[in-house]
mmCIF file of all heavy atoms, coordinates in Angstrom:
data_MODEL
# 
_entry.id   MODEL 
# 
loop_
_atom_site.group_PDB 
_atom_site.id 
_atom_site.type_symbol 
_atom_site.label_atom_id 
_atom_site.label_alt_id 
_atom_site.label_comp_id 
_atom_site.label_asym_id 
_atom_site.label_entity_id 
_atom_site.label_seq_id 
_atom_site.pdbx_PDB_ins_code 
_atom_site.Cartn_x 
_atom_site.Cartn_y 
_atom_site.Cartn_z 
_atom_site.occupancy 
_atom_site.B_iso_or_equiv 
_atom_site.pdbx_formal_charge 
_atom_site.auth_seq_id 
_atom_site.auth_comp_id 
_atom_site.auth_asym_id 
_atom_site.auth_atom_id 
_atom_site.pdbx_PDB_model_num 
ATOM 1   N N   . LYS A 1 1  ? 10.657 0.468  -17.708 1.00 0.00 ? 1  LYS A N   1 
ATOM 2   C CA  . LYS A 1 1  ? 11.553 0.366  -16.557 1.00 0.00 ? 1  LYS A CA  1 
ATOM 3   C C   . LYS A 1 1  ? 11.884 1.737  -15.973 1.00 0.00 ? 1  LYS A C   1 
ATOM 4   O O   . LYS A 1 1  ? 11.852 2.753  -16.654 1.00 0.00 ? 1  LYS A O   1 
ATOM 5   C CB  . LYS A 1 1  ? 12.840 -0.350 -16.959 1.00 0.00 ? 1  LYS A CB  1 
ATOM 6   C CG  . LYS A 1 1  ? 12.644 -1.824 -17.299 1.00 0.00 ? 1  LYS A CG  1 
ATOM 7   C CD  . LYS A 1 1  ? 13.962 -2.483 -17.653 1.00 0.00 ? 1  LYS A CD  1 
ATOM 8   C CE  . LYS A 1 1  ? 13.792 -3.998 -17.829 1.00 0.00 ? 1  LYS A CE  1 
ATOM 9   N NZ  . LYS A 1 1  ? 12.888 -4.355 -18.923 1.00 0.00 ? 1  LYS A NZ  1 
ATOM 10  N N   . THR A 1 2  ? 12.201 1.717  -14.711 1.00 0.00 ? 2  THR A N   1 
ATOM 11  C CA  . THR A 1 2  ? 12.721 2.887  -14.033 1.00 0.00 ? 2  THR A CA  1 
ATOM 12  C C   . THR A 1 2  ? 13.794 2.406  -13.064 1.00 0.00 ? 2  THR A C   1 
ATOM 13  O O   . THR A 1 2  ? 14.190 1.242  -13.079 1.00 0.00 ? 2  THR A O   1 
ATOM 14  C CB  . THR A 1 2  ? 11.621 3.676  -13.314 1.00 0.00 ? 2  THR A CB  1 
ATOM 15  O OG1 . THR A 1 2  ? 12.159 4.930  -12.845 1.00 0.00 ? 2  THR A OG1 1 
ATOM 16  C CG2 . THR A 1 2  ? 11.043 2.917  -12.129 1.00 0.00 ? 2  THR A CG2 1 
ATOM 17  N N   . ILE A 1 3  ? 14.262 3.300  -12.216 1.00 0.00 ? 3  ILE A N   1 
ATOM 18  C CA  . ILE A 1 3  ? 15.313 2.961  -11.257 1.00 0.00 ? 3  ILE A CA  1 
ATOM 19  C C   . ILE A 1 3  ? 14.827 3.282  -9.848  1.00 0.00 ? 3  ILE A C   1 
ATOM 20  O O   . ILE A 1 3  ? 14.205 4.328  -9.622  1.00 0.00 ? 3  ILE A O   1 
ATOM 21  C CB  . ILE A 1 3  ? 16.608 3.724  -11.586 1.00 0.00 ? 3  ILE A CB  1 
ATOM 22  C CG1 . ILE A 1 3  ? 17.191 3.176  -12.899 1.00 0.00 ? 3  ILE A CG1 1 
ATOM 23  C CG2 . ILE A 1 3  ? 17.629 3.618  -10.457 1.00 0.00 ? 3  ILE A CG2 1 
ATOM 24  C CD1 . ILE A 1 3  ? 18.360 3.939  -13.430 1.00 0.00 ? 3  ILE A CD1 1 
ATOM 25  N N   . TYR A 1 4  ? 15.104 2.376  -8.947  1.00 0.00 ? 4  TYR A N   1 
ATOM 26  C CA  . TYR A 1 4  ? 14.812 2.600  -7.536  1.00 0.00 ? 4  TYR A CA  1 
ATOM 27  C C   . TYR A 1 4  ? 16.093 3.015  -6.833  1.00 0.00 ? 4  TYR A C   1 
ATOM 28  O O   . TYR A 1 4  ? 17.117 2.336  -6.922  1.00 0.00 ? 4  TYR A O   1 
ATOM 29  C CB  . TYR A 1 4  ? 14.266 1.328  -6.885  1.00 0.00 ? 4  TYR A CB  1 
ATOM 30  C CG  . TYR A 1 4  ? 14.020 1.481  -5.398  1.00 0.00 ? 4  TYR A CG  1 
ATOM 31  C CD1 . TYR A 1 4  ? 12.967 2.253  -4.927  1.00 0.00 ? 4  TYR A CD1 1 
ATOM 32  C CD2 . TYR A 1 4  ? 14.859 0.867  -4.464  1.00 0.00 ? 4  TYR A CD2 1 
ATOM 33  C CE1 . TYR A 1 4  ? 12.744 2.405  -3.567  1.00 0.00 ? 4  TYR A CE1 1 
ATOM 34  C CE2 . TYR A 1 4  ? 14.639 1.005  -3.103  1.00 0.00 ? 4  TYR A CE2 1 
ATOM 35  C CZ  . TYR A 1 4  ? 13.583 1.786  -2.664  1.00 0.00 ? 4  TYR A CZ  1 
ATOM 36  O OH  . TYR A 1 4  ? 13.371 1.950  -1.312  1.00 0.00 ? 4  TYR A OH  1 
ATOM 37  N N   . ASN A 1 5  ? 16.032 4.145  -6.145  1.00 0.00 ? 5  ASN A N   1 
ATOM 38  C CA  . ASN A 1 5  ? 17.163 4.653  -5.387  1.00 0.00 ? 5  ASN A CA  1 
ATOM 39  C C   . ASN A 1 5  ? 16.931 4.307  -3.916  1.00 0.00 ? 5  ASN A C   1 
ATOM 40  O O   . ASN A 1 5  ? 16.092 4.915  -3.253  1.00 0.00 ? 5  ASN A O   1 
ATOM 41  C CB  . ASN A 1 5  ? 17.298 6.170  -5.582  1.00 0.00 ? 5  ASN A CB  1 
ATOM 42  C CG  . ASN A 1 5  ? 18.539 6.746  -4.929  1.00 0.00 ? 5  ASN A CG  1 
ATOM 43  O OD1 . ASN A 1 5  ? 18.893 6.368  -3.815  1.00 0.00 ? 5  ASN A OD1 1 
ATOM 44  N ND2 . ASN A 1 5  ? 19.190 7.672  -5.598  1.00 0.00 ? 5  ASN A ND2 1 
ATOM 45  N N   . ALA A 1 6  ? 17.650 3.311  -3.424  1.00 0.00 ? 6  ALA A N   1 
ATOM 46  C CA  . ALA A 1 6  ? 17.446 2.832  -2.056  1.00 0.00 ? 6  ALA A CA  1 
ATOM 47  C C   . ALA A 1 6  ? 17.842 3.879  -1.026  1.00 0.00 ? 6  ALA A C   1 
ATOM 48  O O   . ALA A 1 6  ? 17.253 3.947  0.058   1.00 0.00 ? 6  ALA A O   1 
ATOM 49  C CB  . ALA A 1 6  ? 18.231 1.546  -1.836  1.00 0.00 ? 6  ALA A CB  1 
ATOM 50  N N   . GLU A 1 7  ? 18.832 4.685  -1.346  1.00 0.00 ? 7  GLU A N   1 
ATOM 51  C CA  . GLU A 1 7  ? 19.277 5.704  -0.393  1.00 0.00 ? 7  GLU A CA  1 
ATOM 52  C C   . GLU A 1 7  ? 18.187 6.741  -0.152  1.00 0.00 ? 7  GLU A C   1 
ATOM 53  O O   . GLU A 1 7  ? 17.952 7.168  0.987   1.00 0.00 ? 7  GLU A O   1 
ATOM 54  C CB  . GLU A 1 7  ? 20.545 6.393  -0.908  1.00 0.00 ? 7  GLU A CB  1 
ATOM 55  C CG  . GLU A 1 7  ? 21.116 7.408  0.059   1.00 0.00 ? 7  GLU A CG  1 
ATOM 56  C CD  . GLU A 1 7  ? 22.419 8.025  -0.430  1.00 0.00 ? 7  GLU A CD  1 
ATOM 57  O OE1 . GLU A 1 7  ? 22.877 7.654  -1.535  1.00 0.00 ? 7  GLU A OE1 1 
ATOM 58  O OE2 . GLU A 1 7  ? 22.975 8.873  0.288   1.00 0.00 ? 7  GLU A OE2 1 
ATOM 59  N N   . VAL A 1 8  ? 17.509 7.146  -1.223  1.00 0.00 ? 8  VAL A N   1 
ATOM 60  C CA  . VAL A 1 8  ? 16.424 8.122  -1.117  1.00 0.00 ? 8  VAL A CA  1 
ATOM 61  C C   . VAL A 1 8  ? 15.116 7.428  -0.748  1.00 0.00 ? 8  VAL A C   1 
ATOM 62  O O   . VAL A 1 8  ? 14.224 8.020  -0.149  1.00 0.00 ? 8  VAL A O   1 
ATOM 63  C CB  . VAL A 1 8  ? 16.271 8.902  -2.446  1.00 0.00 ? 8  VAL A CB  1 
ATOM 64  C CG1 . VAL A 1 8  ? 15.129 9.918  -2.363  1.00 0.00 ? 8  VAL A CG1 1 
ATOM 65  C CG2 . VAL A 1 8  ? 17.571 9.610  -2.795  1.00 0.00 ? 8  VAL A CG2 1 
ATOM 66  N N   . GLY A 1 9  ? 14.989 6.153  -1.118  1.00 0.00 ? 9  GLY A N   1 
ATOM 67  C CA  . GLY A 1 9  ? 13.758 5.422  -0.891  1.00 0.00 ? 9  GLY A CA  1 
ATOM 68  C C   . GLY A 1 9  ? 12.679 5.779  -1.874  1.00 0.00 ? 9  GLY A C   1 
ATOM 69  O O   . GLY A 1 9  ? 11.492 5.852  -1.536  1.00 0.00 ? 9  GLY A O   1 
ATOM 70  N N   . GLU A 1 10 ? 13.071 6.003  -3.133  1.00 0.00 ? 10 GLU A N   1 
ATOM 71  C CA  . GLU A 1 10 ? 12.133 6.518  -4.125  1.00 0.00 ? 10 GLU A CA  1 
ATOM 72  C C   . GLU A 1 10 ? 12.472 5.994  -5.514  1.00 0.00 ? 10 GLU A C   1 
ATOM 73  O O   . GLU A 1 10 ? 13.642 5.752  -5.847  1.00 0.00 ? 10 GLU A O   1 
ATOM 74  C CB  . GLU A 1 10 ? 12.190 8.052  -4.131  1.00 0.00 ? 10 GLU A CB  1 
ATOM 75  C CG  . GLU A 1 10 ? 11.171 8.744  -5.032  1.00 0.00 ? 10 GLU A CG  1 
ATOM 76  C CD  . GLU A 1 10 ? 9.776  8.764  -4.450  1.00 0.00 ? 10 GLU A CD  1 
ATOM 77  O OE1 . GLU A 1 10 ? 9.249  7.668  -4.160  1.00 0.00 ? 10 GLU A OE1 1 
ATOM 78  O OE2 . GLU A 1 10 ? 9.225  9.859  -4.285  1.00 0.00 ? 10 GLU A OE2 1 
ATOM 79  N N   . LEU A 1 11 ? 11.436 5.821  -6.336  1.00 0.00 ? 11 LEU A N   1 
ATOM 80  C CA  . LEU A 1 11 ? 11.610 5.503  -7.746  1.00 0.00 ? 11 LEU A CA  1 
ATOM 81  C C   . LEU A 1 11 ? 11.857 6.774  -8.543  1.00 0.00 ? 11 LEU A C   1 
ATOM 82  O O   . LEU A 1 11 ? 11.394 7.857  -8.172  1.00 0.00 ? 11 LEU A O   1 
ATOM 83  C CB  . LEU A 1 11 ? 10.355 4.819  -8.291  1.00 0.00 ? 11 LEU A CB  1 
ATOM 84  C CG  . LEU A 1 11 ? 10.000 3.445  -7.735  1.00 0.00 ? 11 LEU A CG  1 
ATOM 85  C CD1 . LEU A 1 11 ? 8.613  3.037  -8.215  1.00 0.00 ? 11 LEU A CD1 1 
ATOM 86  C CD2 . LEU A 1 11 ? 11.033 2.415  -8.156  1.00 0.00 ? 11 LEU A CD2 1 
ATOM 87  N N   . TYR A 1 12 ? 12.558 6.649  -9.665  1.00 0.00 ? 12 TYR A N   1 
ATOM 88  C CA  . TYR A 1 12 ? 12.780 7.800  -10.540 1.00 0.00 ? 12 TYR A CA  1 
ATOM 89  C C   . TYR A 1 12 ? 11.507 8.196  -11.282 1.00 0.00 ? 12 TYR A C   1 
ATOM 90  O O   . TYR A 1 12 ? 11.389 9.334  -11.749 1.00 0.00 ? 12 TYR A O   1 
ATOM 91  C CB  . TYR A 1 12 ? 13.883 7.484  -11.557 1.00 0.00 ? 12 TYR A CB  1 
ATOM 92  C CG  . TYR A 1 12 ? 15.288 7.680  -11.047 1.00 0.00 ? 12 TYR A CG  1 
ATOM 93  C CD1 . TYR A 1 12 ? 15.746 6.977  -9.941  1.00 0.00 ? 12 TYR A CD1 1 
ATOM 94  C CD2 . TYR A 1 12 ? 16.163 8.553  -11.675 1.00 0.00 ? 12 TYR A CD2 1 
ATOM 95  C CE1 . TYR A 1 12 ? 17.044 7.146  -9.476  1.00 0.00 ? 12 TYR A CE1 1 
ATOM 96  C CE2 . TYR A 1 12 ? 17.456 8.725  -11.211 1.00 0.00 ? 12 TYR A CE2 1 
ATOM 97  C CZ  . TYR A 1 12 ? 17.891 8.021  -10.112 1.00 0.00 ? 12 TYR A CZ  1 
ATOM 98  O OH  . TYR A 1 12 ? 19.177 8.195  -9.660  1.00 0.00 ? 12 TYR A OH  1 
ATOM 99  N N   . HIS A 1 13 ? 10.585 7.248  -11.447 1.00 0.00 ? 13 HIS A N   1 
ATOM 100 C CA  . HIS A 1 13 ? 9.313  7.516  -12.121 1.00 0.00 ? 13 HIS A CA  1 
ATOM 101 C C   . HIS A 1 13 ? 8.179  6.893  -11.321 1.00 0.00 ? 13 HIS A C   1 
ATOM 102 O O   . HIS A 1 13 ? 8.414  6.144  -10.372 1.00 0.00 ? 13 HIS A O   1 
ATOM 103 C CB  . HIS A 1 13 ? 9.303  6.922  -13.535 1.00 0.00 ? 13 HIS A CB  1 
ATOM 104 C CG  . HIS A 1 13 ? 10.392 7.410  -14.432 1.00 0.00 ? 13 HIS A CG  1 
ATOM 105 N ND1 . HIS A 1 13 ? 11.594 6.736  -14.567 1.00 0.00 ? 13 HIS A ND1 1 
ATOM 106 C CD2 . HIS A 1 13 ? 10.468 8.494  -15.229 1.00 0.00 ? 13 HIS A CD2 1 
ATOM 107 C CE1 . HIS A 1 13 ? 12.369 7.406  -15.416 1.00 0.00 ? 13 HIS A CE1 1 
ATOM 108 N NE2 . HIS A 1 13 ? 11.703 8.464  -15.836 1.00 0.00 ? 13 HIS A NE2 1 
ATOM 109 N N   . SER A 1 14 ? 6.965  7.153  -11.771 1.00 0.00 ? 14 SER A N   1 
ATOM 110 C CA  . SER A 1 14 ? 5.795  6.571  -11.124 1.00 0.00 ? 14 SER A CA  1 
ATOM 111 C C   . SER A 1 14 ? 5.798  5.054  -11.243 1.00 0.00 ? 14 SER A C   1 
ATOM 112 O O   . SER A 1 14 ? 6.070  4.505  -12.315 1.00 0.00 ? 14 SER A O   1 
ATOM 113 C CB  . SER A 1 14 ? 4.525  7.133  -11.765 1.00 0.00 ? 14 SER A CB  1 
ATOM 114 O OG  . SER A 1 14 ? 3.387  6.418  -11.341 1.00 0.00 ? 14 SER A OG  1 
ATOM 115 N N   . ARG A 1 15 ? 5.439  4.370  -10.165 1.00 0.00 ? 15 ARG A N   1 
ATOM 116 C CA  . ARG A 1 15 ? 5.315  2.915  -10.211 1.00 0.00 ? 15 ARG A CA  1 
ATOM 117 C C   . ARG A 1 15 ? 4.148  2.505  -11.111 1.00 0.00 ? 15 ARG A C   1 
ATOM 118 O O   . ARG A 1 15 ? 4.041  1.366  -11.540 1.00 0.00 ? 15 ARG A O   1 
ATOM 119 C CB  . ARG A 1 15 ? 5.139  2.360  -8.806  1.00 0.00 ? 15 ARG A CB  1 
ATOM 120 C CG  . ARG A 1 15 ? 3.840  2.711  -8.117  1.00 0.00 ? 15 ARG A CG  1 
ATOM 121 C CD  . ARG A 1 15 ? 3.774  2.145  -6.700  1.00 0.00 ? 15 ARG A CD  1 
ATOM 122 N NE  . ARG A 1 15 ? 4.782  2.735  -5.826  1.00 0.00 ? 15 ARG A NE  1 
ATOM 123 C CZ  . ARG A 1 15 ? 5.867  2.100  -5.429  1.00 0.00 ? 15 ARG A CZ  1 
ATOM 124 N NH1 . ARG A 1 15 ? 6.107  0.865  -5.822  1.00 0.00 ? 15 ARG A NH1 1 
ATOM 125 N NH2 . ARG A 1 15 ? 6.735  2.696  -4.618  1.00 0.00 ? 15 ARG A NH2 1 
ATOM 126 N N   . ASN A 1 16 ? 3.246  3.453  -11.417 1.00 0.00 ? 16 ASN A N   1 
ATOM 127 C CA  . ASN A 1 16 ? 2.119  3.182  -12.304 1.00 0.00 ? 16 ASN A CA  1 
ATOM 128 C C   . ASN A 1 16 ? 2.519  3.197  -13.778 1.00 0.00 ? 16 ASN A C   1 
ATOM 129 O O   . ASN A 1 16 ? 1.676  2.925  -14.640 1.00 0.00 ? 16 ASN A O   1 
ATOM 130 C CB  . ASN A 1 16 ? 1.006  4.202  -12.072 1.00 0.00 ? 16 ASN A CB  1 
ATOM 131 C CG  . ASN A 1 16 ? 0.386  4.054  -10.697 1.00 0.00 ? 16 ASN A CG  1 
ATOM 132 O OD1 . ASN A 1 16 ? -0.190 3.036  -10.364 1.00 0.00 ? 16 ASN A OD1 1 
ATOM 133 N ND2 . ASN A 1 16 ? 0.540  5.079  -9.865  1.00 0.00 ? 16 ASN A ND2 1 
ATOM 134 N N   . GLY A 1 17 ? 3.772  3.534  -14.059 1.00 0.00 ? 17 GLY A N   1 
ATOM 135 C CA  . GLY A 1 17 ? 4.252  3.506  -15.434 1.00 0.00 ? 17 GLY A CA  1 
ATOM 136 C C   . GLY A 1 17 ? 5.190  4.648  -15.730 1.00 0.00 ? 17 GLY A C   1 
ATOM 137 O O   . GLY A 1 17 ? 4.764  5.804  -15.774 1.00 0.00 ? 17 GLY A O   1 
ATOM 138 N N   . ALA A 1 18 ? 6.464  4.326  -15.937 1.00 0.00 ? 18 ALA A N   1 
ATOM 139 C CA  . ALA A 1 18 ? 7.454  5.361  -16.263 1.00 0.00 ? 18 ALA A CA  1 
ATOM 140 C C   . ALA A 1 18 ? 7.143  6.010  -17.609 1.00 0.00 ? 18 ALA A C   1 
ATOM 141 O O   . ALA A 1 18 ? 7.153  7.239  -17.744 1.00 0.00 ? 18 ALA A O   1 
ATOM 142 C CB  . ALA A 1 18 ? 8.853  4.748  -16.287 1.00 0.00 ? 18 ALA A CB  1 
ATOM 143 N N   . LEU A 1 19 ? 6.866  5.192  -18.596 1.00 0.00 ? 19 LEU A N   1 
ATOM 144 C CA  . LEU A 1 19 ? 6.618  5.720  -19.946 1.00 0.00 ? 19 LEU A CA  1 
ATOM 145 C C   . LEU A 1 19 ? 5.374  6.583  -19.988 1.00 0.00 ? 19 LEU A C   1 
ATOM 146 O O   . LEU A 1 19 ? 5.406  7.705  -20.511 1.00 0.00 ? 19 LEU A O   1 
ATOM 147 C CB  . LEU A 1 19 ? 6.498  4.566  -20.940 1.00 0.00 ? 19 LEU A CB  1 
ATOM 148 C CG  . LEU A 1 19 ? 6.217  4.963  -22.400 1.00 0.00 ? 19 LEU A CG  1 
ATOM 149 C CD1 . LEU A 1 19 ? 7.371  5.764  -22.972 1.00 0.00 ? 19 LEU A CD1 1 
ATOM 150 C CD2 . LEU A 1 19 ? 5.941  3.722  -23.244 1.00 0.00 ? 19 LEU A CD2 1 
ATOM 151 N N   . GLN A 1 20 ? 4.272  6.090  -19.438 1.00 0.00 ? 20 GLN A N   1 
ATOM 152 C CA  . GLN A 1 20 ? 3.032  6.868  -19.510 1.00 0.00 ? 20 GLN A CA  1 
ATOM 153 C C   . GLN A 1 20 ? 3.160  8.175  -18.741 1.00 0.00 ? 20 GLN A C   1 
ATOM 154 O O   . GLN A 1 20 ? 2.626  9.202  -19.170 1.00 0.00 ? 20 GLN A O   1 
ATOM 155 C CB  . GLN A 1 20 ? 1.838  6.032  -19.018 1.00 0.00 ? 20 GLN A CB  1 
ATOM 156 C CG  . GLN A 1 20 ? 1.877  5.582  -17.562 1.00 0.00 ? 20 GLN A CG  1 
ATOM 157 C CD  . GLN A 1 20 ? 1.407  6.619  -16.563 1.00 0.00 ? 20 GLN A CD  1 
ATOM 158 O OE1 . GLN A 1 20 ? 0.643  7.525  -16.911 1.00 0.00 ? 20 GLN A OE1 1 
ATOM 159 N NE2 . GLN A 1 20 ? 1.887  6.510  -15.330 1.00 0.00 ? 20 GLN A NE2 1 
ATOM 160 N N   . GLU A 1 21 ? 3.883  8.167  -17.618 1.00 0.00 ? 21 GLU A N   1 
ATOM 161 C CA  . GLU A 1 21 ? 4.054  9.400  -16.855 1.00 0.00 ? 21 GLU A CA  1 
ATOM 162 C C   . GLU A 1 21 ? 4.864  10.420 -17.641 1.00 0.00 ? 21 GLU A C   1 
ATOM 163 O O   . GLU A 1 21 ? 4.501  11.594 -17.723 1.00 0.00 ? 21 GLU A O   1 
ATOM 164 C CB  . GLU A 1 21 ? 4.755  9.111  -15.525 1.00 0.00 ? 21 GLU A CB  1 
ATOM 165 C CG  . GLU A 1 21 ? 4.968  10.367 -14.683 1.00 0.00 ? 21 GLU A CG  1 
ATOM 166 C CD  . GLU A 1 21 ? 5.780  10.102 -13.431 1.00 0.00 ? 21 GLU A CD  1 
ATOM 167 O OE1 . GLU A 1 21 ? 6.827  9.419  -13.524 1.00 0.00 ? 21 GLU A OE1 1 
ATOM 168 O OE2 . GLU A 1 21 ? 5.390  10.589 -12.358 1.00 0.00 ? 21 GLU A OE2 1 
ATOM 169 N N   . SER A 1 22 ? 5.951  9.975  -18.242 1.00 0.00 ? 22 SER A N   1 
ATOM 170 C CA  . SER A 1 22 ? 6.803  10.883 -19.000 1.00 0.00 ? 22 SER A CA  1 
ATOM 171 C C   . SER A 1 22 ? 6.056  11.479 -20.181 1.00 0.00 ? 22 SER A C   1 
ATOM 172 O O   . SER A 1 22 ? 6.133  12.690 -20.445 1.00 0.00 ? 22 SER A O   1 
ATOM 173 C CB  . SER A 1 22 ? 8.052  10.133 -19.474 1.00 0.00 ? 22 SER A CB  1 
ATOM 174 O OG  . SER A 1 22 ? 8.951  11.007 -20.100 1.00 0.00 ? 22 SER A OG  1 
ATOM 175 N N   . LEU A 1 23 ? 5.328  10.647 -20.893 1.00 0.00 ? 23 LEU A N   1 
ATOM 176 C CA  . LEU A 1 23 ? 4.565  11.143 -22.039 1.00 0.00 ? 23 LEU A CA  1 
ATOM 177 C C   . LEU A 1 23 ? 3.465  12.099 -21.607 1.00 0.00 ? 23 LEU A C   1 
ATOM 178 O O   . LEU A 1 23 ? 3.280  13.166 -22.207 1.00 0.00 ? 23 LEU A O   1 
ATOM 179 C CB  . LEU A 1 23 ? 3.956  9.966  -22.808 1.00 0.00 ? 23 LEU A CB  1 
ATOM 180 C CG  . LEU A 1 23 ? 4.915  9.137  -23.663 1.00 0.00 ? 23 LEU A CG  1 
ATOM 181 C CD1 . LEU A 1 23 ? 4.223  7.877  -24.174 1.00 0.00 ? 23 LEU A CD1 1 
ATOM 182 C CD2 . LEU A 1 23 ? 5.460  9.957  -24.824 1.00 0.00 ? 23 LEU A CD2 1 
ATOM 183 N N   . HIS A 1 24 ? 2.730  11.749 -20.562 1.00 0.00 ? 24 HIS A N   1 
ATOM 184 C CA  . HIS A 1 24 ? 1.586  12.557 -20.147 1.00 0.00 ? 24 HIS A CA  1 
ATOM 185 C C   . HIS A 1 24 ? 2.003  13.890 -19.527 1.00 0.00 ? 24 HIS A C   1 
ATOM 186 O O   . HIS A 1 24 ? 1.531  14.952 -19.947 1.00 0.00 ? 24 HIS A O   1 
ATOM 187 C CB  . HIS A 1 24 ? 0.734  11.778 -19.137 1.00 0.00 ? 24 HIS A CB  1 
ATOM 188 C CG  . HIS A 1 24 ? -0.478 12.524 -18.681 1.00 0.00 ? 24 HIS A CG  1 
ATOM 189 N ND1 . HIS A 1 24 ? -1.691 12.415 -19.317 1.00 0.00 ? 24 HIS A ND1 1 
ATOM 190 C CD2 . HIS A 1 24 ? -0.665 13.406 -17.660 1.00 0.00 ? 24 HIS A CD2 1 
ATOM 191 C CE1 . HIS A 1 24 ? -2.575 13.206 -18.710 1.00 0.00 ? 24 HIS A CE1 1 
ATOM 192 N NE2 . HIS A 1 24 ? -1.970 13.810 -17.689 1.00 0.00 ? 24 HIS A NE2 1 
ATOM 193 N N   . VAL A 1 25 ? 2.885  13.818 -18.551 1.00 0.00 ? 25 VAL A N   1 
ATOM 194 C CA  . VAL A 1 25 ? 3.215  15.017 -17.762 1.00 0.00 ? 25 VAL A CA  1 
ATOM 195 C C   . VAL A 1 25 ? 4.132  15.962 -18.522 1.00 0.00 ? 25 VAL A C   1 
ATOM 196 O O   . VAL A 1 25 ? 3.911  17.186 -18.531 1.00 0.00 ? 25 VAL A O   1 
ATOM 197 C CB  . VAL A 1 25 ? 3.863  14.609 -16.423 1.00 0.00 ? 25 VAL A CB  1 
ATOM 198 C CG1 . VAL A 1 25 ? 4.330  15.851 -15.649 1.00 0.00 ? 25 VAL A CG1 1 
ATOM 199 C CG2 . VAL A 1 25 ? 2.898  13.793 -15.592 1.00 0.00 ? 25 VAL A CG2 1 
ATOM 200 N N   . PHE A 1 26 ? 5.136  15.417 -19.175 1.00 0.00 ? 26 PHE A N   1 
ATOM 201 C CA  . PHE A 1 26 ? 6.173  16.268 -19.738 1.00 0.00 ? 26 PHE A CA  1 
ATOM 202 C C   . PHE A 1 26 ? 6.028  16.481 -21.246 1.00 0.00 ? 26 PHE A C   1 
ATOM 203 O O   . PHE A 1 26 ? 5.971  17.626 -21.703 1.00 0.00 ? 26 PHE A O   1 
ATOM 204 C CB  . PHE A 1 26 ? 7.550  15.719 -19.355 1.00 0.00 ? 26 PHE A CB  1 
ATOM 205 C CG  . PHE A 1 26 ? 7.724  15.650 -17.862 1.00 0.00 ? 26 PHE A CG  1 
ATOM 206 C CD1 . PHE A 1 26 ? 7.697  14.442 -17.183 1.00 0.00 ? 26 PHE A CD1 1 
ATOM 207 C CD2 . PHE A 1 26 ? 7.860  16.816 -17.119 1.00 0.00 ? 26 PHE A CD2 1 
ATOM 208 C CE1 . PHE A 1 26 ? 7.810  14.383 -15.806 1.00 0.00 ? 26 PHE A CE1 1 
ATOM 209 C CE2 . PHE A 1 26 ? 7.978  16.781 -15.733 1.00 0.00 ? 26 PHE A CE2 1 
ATOM 210 C CZ  . PHE A 1 26 ? 7.953  15.572 -15.074 1.00 0.00 ? 26 PHE A CZ  1 
ATOM 211 N N   . VAL A 1 27 ? 5.915  15.417 -22.007 1.00 0.00 ? 27 VAL A N   1 
ATOM 212 C CA  . VAL A 1 27 ? 5.834  15.584 -23.458 1.00 0.00 ? 27 VAL A CA  1 
ATOM 213 C C   . VAL A 1 27 ? 4.495  16.199 -23.871 1.00 0.00 ? 27 VAL A C   1 
ATOM 214 O O   . VAL A 1 27 ? 4.458  17.199 -24.607 1.00 0.00 ? 27 VAL A O   1 
ATOM 215 C CB  . VAL A 1 27 ? 6.070  14.247 -24.185 1.00 0.00 ? 27 VAL A CB  1 
ATOM 216 C CG1 . VAL A 1 27 ? 5.939  14.428 -25.699 1.00 0.00 ? 27 VAL A CG1 1 
ATOM 217 C CG2 . VAL A 1 27 ? 7.455  13.706 -23.845 1.00 0.00 ? 27 VAL A CG2 1 
ATOM 218 N N   . ASN A 1 28 ? 3.394  15.638 -23.398 1.00 0.00 ? 28 ASN A N   1 
ATOM 219 C CA  . ASN A 1 28 ? 2.091  16.131 -23.835 1.00 0.00 ? 28 ASN A CA  1 
ATOM 220 C C   . ASN A 1 28 ? 1.680  17.429 -23.147 1.00 0.00 ? 28 ASN A C   1 
ATOM 221 O O   . ASN A 1 28 ? 1.314  18.407 -23.812 1.00 0.00 ? 28 ASN A O   1 
ATOM 222 C CB  . ASN A 1 28 ? 1.018  15.055 -23.623 1.00 0.00 ? 28 ASN A CB  1 
ATOM 223 C CG  . ASN A 1 28 ? 1.204  13.878 -24.552 1.00 0.00 ? 28 ASN A CG  1 
ATOM 224 O OD1 . ASN A 1 28 ? 1.732  14.014 -25.653 1.00 0.00 ? 28 ASN A OD1 1 
ATOM 225 N ND2 . ASN A 1 28 ? 0.784  12.696 -24.124 1.00 0.00 ? 28 ASN A ND2 1 
ATOM 226 N N   . ALA A 1 29 ? 1.743  17.451 -21.816 1.00 0.00 ? 29 ALA A N   1 
ATOM 227 C CA  . ALA A 1 29 ? 1.297  18.646 -21.085 1.00 0.00 ? 29 ALA A CA  1 
ATOM 228 C C   . ALA A 1 29 ? 2.314  19.777 -21.133 1.00 0.00 ? 29 ALA A C   1 
ATOM 229 O O   . ALA A 1 29 ? 1.965  20.934 -20.895 1.00 0.00 ? 29 ALA A O   1 
ATOM 230 C CB  . ALA A 1 29 ? 0.998  18.290 -19.627 1.00 0.00 ? 29 ALA A CB  1 
# 
């Protein structure tokens, strides 16, 4: 899960996967 901010018009994470993005971009890389 992630959060959609309607005011900004954006998700807090990738729609392709919050968990995989966090692990790939930040934890692993």
